[in-house]
Amino acid sequence: MSNPLVQAFFVGRAVAEVINERLEVALTDALSDLGKFDAEAREQLRQFSDEVLERANRAAEAANAGQTTTASGQPSSSSVDLQADIDELRAEIALLRTELQHYRRTSA
């Protein structure tokens, strides 16, 4: 390597290879971190949804148990109202899920 031009070529090529490798590692790490964040966010959202539904079901069961014990002389319209309330809540949950999916699609 007595010719400085040839030496400069090989040094430049080596620099480009090292930079390329480091960028590849940095990009891979960044994408990996983004994937982990996305997975953790989805898991937290799933846990939140499960907890909300569990509490809603417990509250509905408690309300239903309270109505069945006190509803012996009452008309059955209260149970129809409860079912309507449950149906409305389910519709709202479905709407929220749709909005959440739309938000995820537009954010990605």
PDB file of N, CA and C in Angstrom:
ATOM      1  N   MET A   1       0.830  -1.192   0.000  1.00  0.00           N
ATOM      2  CA  MET A   1       0.000   0.000   0.000  1.00  0.00           C
ATOM      3  C   MET A   1       0.867   1.247   0.000  1.00  0.00           C
ATOM      4  N   SER A   2       1.705   1.320  -0.957  1.00  0.00           N
ATOM      5  CA  SER A   2       2.569   2.486  -1.049  1.00  0.00           C
ATOM      6  C   SER A   2       1.864   3.654  -1.724  1.00  0.00           C
ATOM      7  N   ASN A   3       0.829   3.369  -2.500  1.00  0.00           N
ATOM      8  CA  ASN A   3       0.107   4.422  -3.195  1.00  0.00           C
ATOM      9  C   ASN A   3      -0.923   5.024  -2.225  1.00  0.00           C
ATOM     10  N   PRO A   4      -0.830   6.325  -1.920  1.00  0.00           N
ATOM     11  CA  PRO A   4      -1.757   6.940  -0.971  1.00  0.00           C
ATOM     12  C   PRO A   4      -3.201   6.943  -1.477  1.00  0.00           C
ATOM     13  N   LEU A   5      -3.397   6.980  -2.766  1.00  0.00           N
ATOM     14  CA  LEU A   5      -4.749   6.981  -3.319  1.00  0.00           C
ATOM     15  C   LEU A   5      -5.427   5.631  -3.065  1.00  0.00           C
ATOM     16  N   VAL A   6      -4.717   4.556  -3.254  1.00  0.00           N
ATOM     17  CA  VAL A   6      -5.264   3.220  -3.000  1.00  0.00           C
ATOM     18  C   VAL A   6      -5.530   3.049  -1.505  1.00  0.00           C
ATOM     19  N   GLN A   7      -4.608   3.534  -0.684  1.00  0.00           N
ATOM     20  CA  GLN A   7      -4.787   3.434   0.760  1.00  0.00           C
ATOM     21  C   GLN A   7      -6.020   4.238   1.202  1.00  0.00           C
ATOM     22  N   ALA A   8      -6.218   5.429   0.650  1.00  0.00           N
ATOM     23  CA  ALA A   8      -7.379   6.262   0.976  1.00  0.00           C
ATOM     24  C   ALA A   8      -8.671   5.558   0.565  1.00  0.00           C
ATOM     25  N   PHE A   9      -8.670   4.871  -0.572  1.00  0.00           N
ATOM     26  CA  PHE A   9      -9.844   4.131  -1.027  1.00  0.00           C
ATOM     27  C   PHE A   9     -10.224   3.053  -0.015  1.00  0.00           C
ATOM     28  N   PHE A  10      -9.242   2.256   0.416  1.00  0.00           N
ATOM     29  CA  PHE A  10      -9.534   1.171   1.344  1.00  0.00           C
ATOM     30  C   PHE A  10      -9.945   1.690   2.724  1.00  0.00           C
ATOM     31  N   VAL A  11      -9.328   2.788   3.152  1.00  0.00           N
ATOM     32  CA  VAL A  11      -9.724   3.396   4.430  1.00  0.00           C
ATOM     33  C   VAL A  11     -11.159   3.911   4.336  1.00  0.00           C
ATOM     34  N   GLY A  12     -11.483   4.561   3.251  1.00  0.00           N
ATOM     35  CA  GLY A  12     -12.846   5.066   3.055  1.00  0.00           C
ATOM     36  C   GLY A  12     -13.871   3.940   3.022  1.00  0.00           C
ATOM     37  N   ARG A  13     -13.511   2.857   2.330  1.00  0.00           N
ATOM     38  CA  ARG A  13     -14.412   1.722   2.263  1.00  0.00           C
ATOM     39  C   ARG A  13     -14.600   1.102   3.651  1.00  0.00           C
ATOM     40  N   ALA A  14     -13.539   0.991   4.425  1.00  0.00           N
ATOM     41  CA  ALA A  14     -13.632   0.437   5.780  1.00  0.00           C
ATOM     42  C   ALA A  14     -14.484   1.337   6.679  1.00  0.00           C
ATOM     43  N   VAL A  15     -14.322   2.652   6.523  1.00  0.00           N
ATOM     44  CA  VAL A  15     -15.134   3.595   7.305  1.00  0.00           C
ATOM     45  C   VAL A  15     -16.610   3.416   6.960  1.00  0.00           C
ATOM     46  N   ALA A  16     -16.906   3.303   5.684  1.00  0.00           N
ATOM     47  CA  ALA A  16     -18.302   3.125   5.254  1.00  0.00           C
ATOM     48  C   ALA A  16     -18.880   1.829   5.809  1.00  0.00           C
ATOM     49  N   GLU A  17     -18.107   0.757   5.812  1.00  0.00           N
ATOM     50  CA  GLU A  17     -18.590  -0.516   6.334  1.00  0.00           C
ATOM     51  C   GLU A  17     -18.866  -0.438   7.829  1.00  0.00           C
ATOM     52  N   VAL A  18     -17.964   0.200   8.569  1.00  0.00           N
ATOM     53  CA  VAL A  18     -18.148   0.330  10.020  1.00  0.00           C
ATOM     54  C   VAL A  18     -19.379   1.190  10.320  1.00  0.00           C
ATOM     55  N   ILE A  19     -19.520   2.290   9.605  1.00  0.00           N
ATOM     56  CA  ILE A  19     -20.692   3.157   9.808  1.00  0.00           C
ATOM     57  C   ILE A  19     -21.969   2.397   9.483  1.00  0.00           C
ATOM     58  N   ASN A  20     -21.964   1.637   8.394  1.00  0.00           N
ATOM     59  CA  ASN A  20     -23.130   0.858   8.001  1.00  0.00           C
ATOM     60  C   ASN A  20     -23.496  -0.168   9.079  1.00  0.00           C
ATOM     61  N   GLU A  21     -22.503  -0.864   9.612  1.00  0.00           N
ATOM     62  CA  GLU A  21     -22.757  -1.852  10.660  1.00  0.00           C
ATOM     63  C   GLU A  21     -23.322  -1.199  11.914  1.00  0.00           C
ATOM     64  N   ARG A  22     -22.764  -0.059  12.303  1.00  0.00           N
ATOM     65  CA  ARG A  22     -23.241   0.616  13.515  1.00  0.00           C
ATOM     66  C   ARG A  22     -24.658   1.157  13.330  1.00  0.00           C
ATOM     67  N   LEU A  23     -24.944   1.681  12.149  1.00  0.00           N
ATOM     68  CA  LEU A  23     -26.304   2.147  11.878  1.00  0.00           C
ATOM     69  C   LEU A  23     -27.288   0.984  11.901  1.00  0.00           C
ATOM     70  N   GLU A  24     -26.869  -0.138  11.360  1.00  0.00           N
ATOM     71  CA  GLU A  24     -27.727  -1.320  11.365  1.00  0.00           C
ATOM     72  C   GLU A  24     -28.037  -1.765  12.790  1.00  0.00           C
ATOM     73  N   VAL A  25     -27.017  -1.784  13.642  1.00  0.00           N
ATOM     74  CA  VAL A  25     -27.221  -2.168  15.042  1.00  0.00           C
ATOM     75  C   VAL A  25     -28.130  -1.155  15.734  1.00  0.00           C
ATOM     76  N   ALA A  26     -27.900   0.129  15.502  1.00  0.00           N
ATOM     77  CA  ALA A  26     -28.718   1.162  16.143  1.00  0.00           C
ATOM     78  C   ALA A  26     -30.169   1.073  15.690  1.00  0.00           C
ATOM     79  N   LEU A  27     -30.389   0.854  14.402  1.00  0.00           N
ATOM     80  CA  LEU A  27     -31.748   0.746  13.880  1.00  0.00           C
ATOM     81  C   LEU A  27     -32.431  -0.503  14.429  1.00  0.00           C
ATOM     82  N   THR A  28     -31.711  -1.595  14.480  1.00  0.00           N
ATOM     83  CA  THR A  28     -32.277  -2.831  15.017  1.00  0.00           C
ATOM     84  C   THR A  28     -32.660  -2.650  16.485  1.00  0.00           C
ATOM     85  N   ASP A  29     -31.796  -2.018  17.260  1.00  0.00           N
ATOM     86  CA  ASP A  29     -32.100  -1.772  18.673  1.00  0.00           C
ATOM     87  C   ASP A  29     -33.314  -0.859  18.833  1.00  0.00           C
ATOM     88  N   ALA A  30     -33.374   0.182  18.006  1.00  0.00           N
ATOM     89  CA  ALA A  30     -34.505   1.111  18.088  1.00  0.00           C
ATOM     90  C   ALA A  30     -35.810   0.410  17.742  1.00  0.00           C
ATOM     91  N   LEU A  31     -35.808  -0.393  16.689  1.00  0.00           N
ATOM     92  CA  LEU A  31     -37.025  -1.126  16.316  1.00  0.00           C
ATOM     93  C   LEU A  31     -37.404  -2.149  17.381  1.00  0.00           C
ATOM     94  N   SER A  32     -36.416  -2.767  17.985  1.00  0.00           N
ATOM     95  CA  SER A  32     -36.685  -3.722  19.058  1.00  0.00           C
ATOM     96  C   SER A  32     -37.330  -3.020  20.252  1.00  0.00           C
ATOM     97  N   ASP A  33     -36.796  -1.864  20.620  1.00  0.00           N
ATOM     98  CA  ASP A  33     -37.376  -1.104  21.731  1.00  0.00           C
ATOM     99  C   ASP A  33     -38.796  -0.657  21.409  1.00  0.00           C
ATOM    100  N   LEU A  34     -39.028  -0.251  20.182  1.00  0.00           N
ATOM    101  CA  LEU A  34     -40.365   0.162  19.770  1.00  0.00           C
ATOM    102  C   LEU A  34     -41.327  -1.016  19.843  1.00  0.00           C
ATOM    103  N   GLY A  35     -40.887  -2.181  19.410  1.00  0.00           N
ATOM    104  CA  GLY A  35     -41.722  -3.373  19.489  1.00  0.00           C
ATOM    105  C   GLY A  35     -42.048  -3.750  20.926  1.00  0.00           C
ATOM    106  N   LYS A  36     -41.052  -3.639  21.809  1.00  0.00           N
ATOM    107  CA  LYS A  36     -41.286  -3.934  23.220  1.00  0.00           C
ATOM    108  C   LYS A  36     -42.290  -2.959  23.811  1.00  0.00           C
ATOM    109  N   PHE A  37     -42.119  -1.672  23.487  1.00  0.00           N
ATOM    110  CA  PHE A  37     -43.040  -0.657  23.999  1.00  0.00           C
ATOM    111  C   PHE A  37     -44.462  -0.935  23.528  1.00  0.00           C
ATOM    112  N   ASP A  38     -44.604  -1.268  22.241  1.00  0.00           N
ATOM    113  CA  ASP A  38     -45.925  -1.560  21.690  1.00  0.00           C
ATOM    114  C   ASP A  38     -46.545  -2.768  22.378  1.00  0.00           C
ATOM    115  N   ALA A  39     -45.753  -3.811  22.575  1.00  0.00           N
ATOM    116  CA  ALA A  39     -46.264  -5.018  23.228  1.00  0.00           C
ATOM    117  C   ALA A  39     -46.677  -4.722  24.673  1.00  0.00           C
ATOM    118  N   GLU A  40     -45.861  -3.946  25.382  1.00  0.00           N
ATOM    119  CA  GLU A  40     -46.203  -3.603  26.762  1.00  0.00           C
ATOM    120  C   GLU A  40     -47.462  -2.739  26.818  1.00  0.00           C
ATOM    121  N   ALA A  41     -47.581  -1.809  25.899  1.00  0.00           N
ATOM    122  CA  ALA A  41     -48.767  -0.943  25.882  1.00  0.00           C
ATOM    123  C   ALA A  41     -50.022  -1.758  25.599  1.00  0.00           C
ATOM    124  N   ARG A  42     -49.920  -2.687  24.652  1.00  0.00           N
ATOM    125  CA  ARG A  42     -51.080  -3.541  24.344  1.00  0.00           C
ATOM    126  C   ARG A  42     -51.442  -4.418  25.543  1.00  0.00           C
ATOM    127  N   GLU A  43     -50.451  -4.950  26.222  1.00  0.00           N
ATOM    128  CA  GLU A  43     -50.711  -5.793  27.386  1.00  0.00           C
ATOM    129  C   GLU A  43     -51.364  -4.978  28.499  1.00  0.00           C
ATOM    130  N   GLN A  44     -50.877  -3.772  28.733  1.00  0.00           N
ATOM    131  CA  GLN A  44     -51.482  -2.925  29.761  1.00  0.00           C
ATOM    132  C   GLN A  44     -52.916  -2.562  29.392  1.00  0.00           C
ATOM    133  N   LEU A  45     -53.161  -2.289  28.120  1.00  0.00           N
ATOM    134  CA  LEU A  45     -54.516  -1.975  27.678  1.00  0.00           C
ATOM    135  C   LEU A  45     -55.423  -3.188  27.846  1.00  0.00           C
ATOM    136  N   ARG A  46     -54.904  -4.385  27.518  1.00  0.00           N
ATOM    137  CA  ARG A  46     -55.700  -5.596  27.681  1.00  0.00           C
ATOM    138  C   ARG A  46     -56.031  -5.816  29.154  1.00  0.00           C
ATOM    139  N   GLN A  47     -55.040  -5.631  30.038  1.00  0.00           N
ATOM    140  CA  GLN A  47     -55.277  -5.796  31.463  1.00  0.00           C
ATOM    141  C   GLN A  47     -56.283  -4.768  31.972  1.00  0.00           C
ATOM    142  N   PHE A  48     -56.176  -3.547  31.476  1.00  0.00           N
ATOM    143  CA  PHE A  48     -57.121  -2.499  31.866  1.00  0.00           C
ATOM    144  C   PHE A  48     -58.531  -2.878  31.436  1.00  0.00           C
ATOM    145  N   SER A  49     -58.666  -3.329  30.194  1.00  0.00           N
ATOM    146  CA  SER A  49     -59.984  -3.730  29.686  1.00  0.00           C
ATOM    147  C   SER A  49     -60.548  -4.887  30.497  1.00  0.00           C
ATOM    148  N   ASP A  50     -59.703  -5.870  30.785  1.00  0.00           N
ATOM    149  CA  ASP A  50     -60.158  -7.011  31.583  1.00  0.00           C
ATOM    150  C   ASP A  50     -60.621  -6.573  32.961  1.00  0.00           C
ATOM    151  N   GLU A  51     -59.866  -5.672  33.574  1.00  0.00           N
ATOM    152  CA  GLU A  51     -60.236  -5.202  34.911  1.00  0.00           C
ATOM    153  C   GLU A  51     -61.553  -4.429  34.880  1.00  0.00           C
ATOM    154  N   VAL A  52     -61.716  -3.585  33.864  1.00  0.00           N
ATOM    155  CA  VAL A  52     -62.957  -2.816  33.744  1.00  0.00           C
ATOM    156  C   VAL A  52     -64.140  -3.748  33.553  1.00  0.00           C
ATOM    157  N   LEU A  53     -64.000  -4.727  32.654  1.00  0.00           N
ATOM    158  CA  LEU A  53     -65.099  -5.666  32.413  1.00  0.00           C
ATOM    159  C   LEU A  53     -65.400  -6.506  33.651  1.00  0.00           C
ATOM    160  N   GLU A  54     -64.356  -6.905  34.367  1.00  0.00           N
ATOM    161  CA  GLU A  54     -64.559  -7.691  35.583  1.00  0.00           C
ATOM    162  C   GLU A  54     -65.328  -6.886  36.619  1.00  0.00           C
ATOM    163  N   ARG A  55     -64.937  -5.633  36.799  1.00  0.00           N
ATOM    164  CA  ARG A  55     -65.649  -4.790  37.775  1.00  0.00           C
ATOM    165  C   ARG A  55     -67.086  -4.540  37.343  1.00  0.00           C
ATOM    166  N   ALA A  56     -67.281  -4.325  36.055  1.00  0.00           N
ATOM    167  CA  ALA A  56     -68.638  -4.103  35.553  1.00  0.00           C
ATOM    168  C   ALA A  56     -69.497  -5.343  35.757  1.00  0.00           C
ATOM    169  N   ASN A  57     -68.928  -6.511  35.496  1.00  0.00           N
ATOM    170  CA  ASN A  57     -69.678  -7.750  35.698  1.00  0.00           C
ATOM    171  C   ASN A  57     -70.010  -7.965  37.167  1.00  0.00           C
ATOM    172  N   ARG A  58     -69.035  -7.686  38.048  1.00  0.00           N
ATOM    173  CA  ARG A  58     -69.299  -7.823  39.480  1.00  0.00           C
ATOM    174  C   ARG A  58     -70.400  -6.863  39.928  1.00  0.00           C
ATOM    175  N   ALA A  59     -70.341  -5.628  39.429  1.00  0.00           N
ATOM    176  CA  ALA A  59     -71.364  -4.644  39.798  1.00  0.00           C
ATOM    177  C   ALA A  59     -72.729  -5.066  39.276  1.00  0.00           C
ATOM    178  N   ALA A  60     -72.758  -5.594  38.054  1.00  0.00           N
ATOM    179  CA  ALA A  60     -74.027  -6.042  37.482  1.00  0.00           C
ATOM    180  C   ALA A  60     -74.577  -7.228  38.269  1.00  0.00           C
ATOM    181  N   GLU A  61     -73.682  -8.156  38.646  1.00  0.00           N
ATOM    182  CA  GLU A  61     -74.136  -9.301  39.442  1.00  0.00           C
ATOM    183  C   GLU A  61     -74.652  -8.856  40.799  1.00  0.00           C
ATOM    184  N   ALA A  62     -73.945  -7.899  41.404  1.00  0.00           N
ATOM    185  CA  ALA A  62     -74.386  -7.397  42.706  1.00  0.00           C
ATOM    186  C   ALA A  62     -75.735  -6.694  42.580  1.00  0.00           C
ATOM    187  N   ALA A  63     -75.883  -5.914  41.515  1.00  0.00           N
ATOM    188  CA  ALA A  63     -77.157  -5.221  41.309  1.00  0.00           C
ATOM    189  C   ALA A  63     -78.263  -6.219  41.010  1.00  0.00           C
ATOM    190  N   ASN A  64     -77.933  -7.232  40.242  1.00  0.00           N
ATOM    191  CA  ASN A  64     -78.918  -8.249  39.907  1.00  0.00           C
ATOM    192  C   ASN A  64     -79.305  -9.041  41.144  1.00  0.00           C
ATOM    193  N   ALA A  65     -78.339  -9.383  41.982  1.00  0.00           N
ATOM    194  CA  ALA A  65     -78.630 -10.110  43.217  1.00  0.00           C
ATOM    195  C   ALA A  65     -79.483  -9.253  44.144  1.00  0.00           C
ATOM    196  N   GLY A  66     -79.196  -7.967  44.188  1.00  0.00           N
ATOM    197  CA  GLY A  66     -79.991  -7.058  45.019  1.00  0.00           C
ATOM    198  C   GLY A  66     -81.401  -6.920  44.503  1.00  0.00           C
ATOM    199  N   GLN A  67     -81.585  -6.944  43.211  1.00  0.00           N
ATOM    200  CA  GLN A  67     -82.919  -6.810  42.632  1.00  0.00           C
ATOM    201  C   GLN A  67     -83.726  -8.078  42.802  1.00  0.00           C
ATOM    202  N   THR A  68     -83.092  -9.224  42.699  1.00  0.00           N
ATOM    203  CA  THR A  68     -83.853 -10.464  42.815  1.00  0.00           C
ATOM    204  C   THR A  68     -84.343 -10.675  44.237  1.00  0.00           C
ATOM    205  N   THR A  69     -83.564 -10.206  45.218  1.00  0.00           N
ATOM    206  CA  THR A  69     -84.003 -10.379  46.600  1.00  0.00           C
ATOM    207  C   THR A  69     -85.084  -9.374  46.973  1.00  0.00           C
ATOM    208  N   THR A  70     -85.052  -8.177  46.369  1.00  0.00           N
ATOM    209  CA  THR A  70     -86.043  -7.154  46.721  1.00  0.00           C
ATOM    210  C   THR A  70     -87.155  -7.055  45.700  1.00  0.00           C
ATOM    211  N   ALA A  71     -87.060  -7.769  44.599  1.00  0.00           N
ATOM    212  CA  ALA A  71     -88.025  -7.602  43.514  1.00  0.00           C
ATOM    213  C   ALA A  71     -89.164  -8.597  43.592  1.00  0.00           C
ATOM    214  N   SER A  72     -89.407  -9.184  44.735  1.00  0.00           N
ATOM    215  CA  SER A  72     -90.461 -10.185  44.821  1.00  0.00           C
ATOM    216  C   SER A  72     -91.831  -9.579  44.564  1.00  0.00           C
ATOM    217  N   GLY A  73     -92.072  -8.342  44.958  1.00  0.00           N
ATOM    218  CA  GLY A  73     -93.361  -7.732  44.726  1.00  0.00           C
ATOM    219  C   GLY A  73     -93.323  -6.666  43.653  1.00  0.00           C
ATOM    220  N   GLN A  74     -92.161  -6.455  42.998  1.00  0.00           N
ATOM    221  CA  GLN A  74     -92.030  -5.406  42.002  1.00  0.00           C
ATOM    222  C   GLN A  74     -92.278  -5.982  40.614  1.00  0.00           C
ATOM    223  N   PRO A  75     -92.701  -5.131  39.684  1.00  0.00           N
ATOM    224  CA  PRO A  75     -92.878  -5.597  38.310  1.00  0.00           C
ATOM    225  C   PRO A  75     -91.535  -5.942  37.676  1.00  0.00           C
ATOM    226  N   SER A  76     -91.560  -6.708  36.618  1.00  0.00           N
ATOM    227  CA  SER A  76     -90.333  -7.171  35.978  1.00  0.00           C
ATOM    228  C   SER A  76     -89.712  -6.121  35.068  1.00  0.00           C
ATOM    229  N   SER A  77     -90.242  -4.910  35.038  1.00  0.00           N
ATOM    230  CA  SER A  77     -89.680  -3.870  34.181  1.00  0.00           C
ATOM    231  C   SER A  77     -88.288  -3.460  34.636  1.00  0.00           C
ATOM    232  N   SER A  78     -87.989  -3.615  35.936  1.00  0.00           N
ATOM    233  CA  SER A  78     -86.660  -3.240  36.406  1.00  0.00           C
ATOM    234  C   SER A  78     -85.601  -4.161  35.816  1.00  0.00           C
ATOM    235  N   SER A  79     -85.912  -5.450  35.638  1.00  0.00           N
ATOM    236  CA  SER A  79     -84.949  -6.349  35.023  1.00  0.00           C
ATOM    237  C   SER A  79     -84.775  -6.024  33.544  1.00  0.00           C
ATOM    238  N   VAL A  80     -85.823  -5.555  32.897  1.00  0.00           N
ATOM    239  CA  VAL A  80     -85.715  -5.137  31.499  1.00  0.00           C
ATOM    240  C   VAL A  80     -84.841  -3.893  31.407  1.00  0.00           C
ATOM    241  N   ASP A  81     -85.011  -2.976  32.343  1.00  0.00           N
ATOM    242  CA  ASP A  81     -84.181  -1.775  32.369  1.00  0.00           C
ATOM    243  C   ASP A  81     -82.720  -2.135  32.609  1.00  0.00           C
ATOM    244  N   LEU A  82     -82.479  -3.085  33.490  1.00  0.00           N
ATOM    245  CA  LEU A  82     -81.114  -3.522  33.750  1.00  0.00           C
ATOM    246  C   LEU A  82     -80.506  -4.129  32.497  1.00  0.00           C
ATOM    247  N   GLN A  83     -81.277  -4.940  31.796  1.00  0.00           N
ATOM    248  CA  GLN A  83     -80.769  -5.534  30.558  1.00  0.00           C
ATOM    249  C   GLN A  83     -80.505  -4.452  29.515  1.00  0.00           C
ATOM    250  N   ALA A  84     -81.348  -3.445  29.461  1.00  0.00           N
ATOM    251  CA  ALA A  84     -81.134  -2.346  28.517  1.00  0.00           C
ATOM    252  C   ALA A  84     -79.858  -1.587  28.881  1.00  0.00           C
ATOM    253  N   ASP A  85     -79.651  -1.376  30.177  1.00  0.00           N
ATOM    254  CA  ASP A  85     -78.422  -0.709  30.628  1.00  0.00           C
ATOM    255  C   ASP A  85     -77.187  -1.527  30.252  1.00  0.00           C
ATOM    256  N   ILE A  86     -77.264  -2.832  30.460  1.00  0.00           N
ATOM    257  CA  ILE A  86     -76.136  -3.699  30.107  1.00  0.00           C
ATOM    258  C   ILE A  86     -75.886  -3.653  28.603  1.00  0.00           C
ATOM    259  N   ASP A  87     -76.941  -3.682  27.824  1.00  0.00           N
ATOM    260  CA  ASP A  87     -76.794  -3.611  26.358  1.00  0.00           C
ATOM    261  C   ASP A  87     -76.175  -2.289  25.935  1.00  0.00           C
ATOM    262  N   GLU A  88     -76.586  -1.205  26.576  1.00  0.00           N
ATOM    263  CA  GLU A  88     -76.000   0.099  26.262  1.00  0.00           C
ATOM    264  C   GLU A  88     -74.518   0.139  26.617  1.00  0.00           C
ATOM    265  N   LEU A  89     -74.160  -0.421  27.762  1.00  0.00           N
ATOM    266  CA  LEU A  89     -72.751  -0.469  28.155  1.00  0.00           C
ATOM    267  C   LEU A  89     -71.941  -1.310  27.175  1.00  0.00           C
ATOM    268  N   ARG A  90     -72.478  -2.412  26.749  1.00  0.00           N
ATOM    269  CA  ARG A  90     -71.770  -3.243  25.764  1.00  0.00           C
ATOM    270  C   ARG A  90     -71.587  -2.494  24.455  1.00  0.00           C
ATOM    271  N   ALA A  91     -72.585  -1.751  24.049  1.00  0.00           N
ATOM    272  CA  ALA A  91     -72.474  -0.961  22.816  1.00  0.00           C
ATOM    273  C   ALA A  91     -71.410   0.113  22.962  1.00  0.00           C
ATOM    274  N   GLU A  92     -71.352   0.745  24.130  1.00  0.00           N
ATOM    275  CA  GLU A  92     -70.317   1.753  24.363  1.00  0.00           C
ATOM    276  C   GLU A  92     -68.925   1.139  24.363  1.00  0.00           C
ATOM    277  N   ILE A  93     -68.798  -0.041  24.956  1.00  0.00           N
ATOM    278  CA  ILE A  93     -67.500  -0.729  24.955  1.00  0.00           C
ATOM    279  C   ILE A  93     -67.092  -1.064  23.533  1.00  0.00           C
ATOM    280  N   ALA A  94     -68.033  -1.541  22.736  1.00  0.00           N
ATOM    281  CA  ALA A  94     -67.725  -1.865  21.336  1.00  0.00           C
ATOM    282  C   ALA A  94     -67.308  -0.610  20.579  1.00  0.00           C
ATOM    283  N   LEU A  95     -67.978   0.499  20.833  1.00  0.00           N
ATOM    284  CA  LEU A  95     -67.619   1.761  20.197  1.00  0.00           C
ATOM    285  C   LEU A  95     -66.222   2.203  20.624  1.00  0.00           C
ATOM    286  N   LEU A  96     -65.927   2.088  21.901  1.00  0.00           N
ATOM    287  CA  LEU A  96     -64.594   2.453  22.387  1.00  0.00           C
ATOM    288  C   LEU A  96     -63.513   1.572  21.782  1.00  0.00           C
ATOM    289  N   ARG A  97     -63.793   0.288  21.644  1.00  0.00           N
ATOM    290  CA  ARG A  97     -62.819  -0.605  21.015  1.00  0.00           C
ATOM    291  C   ARG A  97     -62.583  -0.207  19.564  1.00  0.00           C
ATOM    292  N   THR A  98     -63.640   0.144  18.861  1.00  0.00           N
ATOM    293  CA  THR A  98     -63.504   0.569  17.477  1.00  0.00           C
ATOM    294  C   THR A  98     -62.676   1.840  17.385  1.00  0.00           C
ATOM    295  N   GLU A  99     -62.944   2.785  18.249  1.00  0.00           N
ATOM    296  CA  GLU A  99     -62.181   4.033  18.260  1.00  0.00           C
ATOM    297  C   GLU A  99     -60.721   3.777  18.607  1.00  0.00           C
ATOM    298  N   LEU A 100     -60.484   2.876  19.539  1.00  0.00           N
ATOM    299  CA  LEU A 100     -59.118   2.541  19.929  1.00  0.00           C
ATOM    300  C   LEU A 100     -58.366   1.893  18.770  1.00  0.00           C
ATOM    301  N   GLN A 101     -59.015   0.998  18.056  1.00  0.00           N
ATOM    302  CA  GLN A 101     -58.380   0.376  16.893  1.00  0.00           C
ATOM    303  C   GLN A 101     -58.085   1.414  15.824  1.00  0.00           C
ATOM    304  N   HIS A 102     -59.008   2.339  15.623  1.00  0.00           N
ATOM    305  CA  HIS A 102     -58.788   3.412  14.651  1.00  0.00           C
ATOM    306  C   HIS A 102     -57.591   4.266  15.076  1.00  0.00           C
ATOM    307  N   TYR A 103     -57.501   4.582  16.356  1.00  0.00           N
ATOM    308  CA  TYR A 103     -56.387   5.381  16.874  1.00  0.00           C
ATOM    309  C   TYR A 103     -55.060   4.642  16.672  1.00  0.00           C
ATOM    310  N   ARG A 104     -55.066   3.344  16.951  1.00  0.00           N
ATOM    311  CA  ARG A 104     -53.841   2.565  16.756  1.00  0.00           C
ATOM    312  C   ARG A 104     -53.396   2.578  15.289  1.00  0.00           C
ATOM    313  N   ARG A 105     -54.356   2.437  14.382  1.00  0.00           N
ATOM    314  CA  ARG A 105     -54.025   2.420  12.960  1.00  0.00           C
ATOM    315  C   ARG A 105     -53.461   3.764  12.503  1.00  0.00           C
ATOM    316  N   THR A 106     -54.029   4.843  12.998  1.00  0.00           N
ATOM    317  CA  THR A 106     -53.557   6.156  12.565  1.00  0.00           C
ATOM    318  C   THR A 106     -52.261   6.541  13.254  1.00  0.00           C
ATOM    319  N   SER A 107     -51.976   5.978  14.434  1.00  0.00           N
ATOM    320  CA  SER A 107     -50.745   6.291  15.148  1.00  0.00           C
ATOM    321  C   SER A 107     -49.562   5.521  14.613  1.00  0.00           C
ATOM    322  N   ALA A 108     -49.793   4.377  14.043  1.00  0.00           N
ATOM    323  CA  ALA A 108     -48.685   3.530  13.580  1.00  0.00           C
ATOM    324  C   ALA A 108     -48.108   3.993  12.279  1.00  0.00           C
TER     325      ALA A 108
END
